[in-house]
């Protein structure tokens, strides 16, 4: 399986909180994000649409 890079922007305060949480759980930030993604509900391909989800920014 090929790995992909994800670049996100967040405030320094949020990043430090995320990093501290990861350290407390003895995980990397990458592992935390992968764990979160793995908990997302599985969707059928038919469930995808071009319409944004409610309360989500466009684009």
Protein backbone atom coordinates (compact mmCIF):
# COMPACT_ATOMS: atom_id res chain seq x y z
CA UNK A 1 0.00 0.00 0.00
CA UNK A 2 1.36 3.39 -0.98
CA UNK A 3 1.57 6.04 1.72
CA UNK A 4 0.30 9.56 1.05
CA UNK A 5 1.30 12.81 2.70
CA UNK A 6 -1.27 15.11 4.27
CA UNK A 7 -0.44 18.72 4.99
CA UNK A 8 -2.77 20.69 7.24
CA UNK A 9 -2.63 24.12 8.80
CA UNK A 10 -3.52 24.71 12.41
CA UNK A 11 -2.62 27.11 15.13
CA UNK A 12 0.49 26.51 17.18
CA UNK A 13 -1.72 26.09 20.25
CA UNK A 14 -3.73 23.30 18.61
CA UNK A 15 -0.61 21.60 17.31
CA UNK A 16 1.01 21.65 20.75
CA UNK A 17 -2.18 20.22 22.30
CA UNK A 18 -2.26 17.46 19.67
CA UNK A 19 1.41 16.68 20.16
CA UNK A 20 1.02 16.59 23.96
CA UNK A 21 -1.99 14.27 23.67
CA UNK A 22 -0.04 11.96 21.36
CA UNK A 23 2.88 11.85 23.79
CA UNK A 24 0.53 11.10 26.70
CA UNK A 25 -0.95 8.19 24.72
CA UNK A 26 2.54 7.06 23.62
CA UNK A 27 1.59 7.48 19.97
CA UNK A 28 2.68 9.68 17.12
CA UNK A 29 0.47 12.40 15.69
CA UNK A 30 0.24 10.28 12.54
CA UNK A 31 -1.03 7.32 14.56
CA UNK A 32 -3.69 9.50 16.22
CA UNK A 33 -4.93 10.76 12.86
CA UNK A 34 -4.90 7.27 11.33
CA UNK A 35 -6.86 5.94 14.33
CA UNK A 36 -9.43 8.72 13.90
CA UNK A 37 -9.78 8.04 10.16
CA UNK A 38 -10.17 4.31 10.83
CA UNK A 39 -13.16 5.10 13.09
CA UNK A 40 -15.04 6.98 10.38
CA UNK A 41 -18.18 5.20 9.21
CA UNK A 42 -17.71 3.11 6.10
CA UNK A 43 -19.63 4.54 3.16
CA UNK A 44 -20.79 2.81 0.02
CA UNK A 45 -19.57 4.32 -3.23
CA UNK A 46 -23.19 5.27 -4.00
CA UNK A 47 -23.22 7.41 -0.82
CA UNK A 48 -20.62 9.83 -2.23
CA UNK A 49 -21.95 12.90 -3.95
CA UNK A 50 -20.75 16.29 -5.10
CA UNK A 51 -22.94 17.98 -2.50
CA UNK A 52 -21.07 19.11 0.63
CA UNK A 53 -22.06 17.64 3.97
CA UNK A 54 -24.20 19.87 6.21
CA UNK A 55 -22.20 22.47 8.15
CA UNK A 56 -19.09 21.80 6.05
CA UNK A 57 -17.19 24.47 4.13
CA UNK A 58 -17.49 24.30 0.36
CA UNK A 59 -14.48 23.08 -1.59
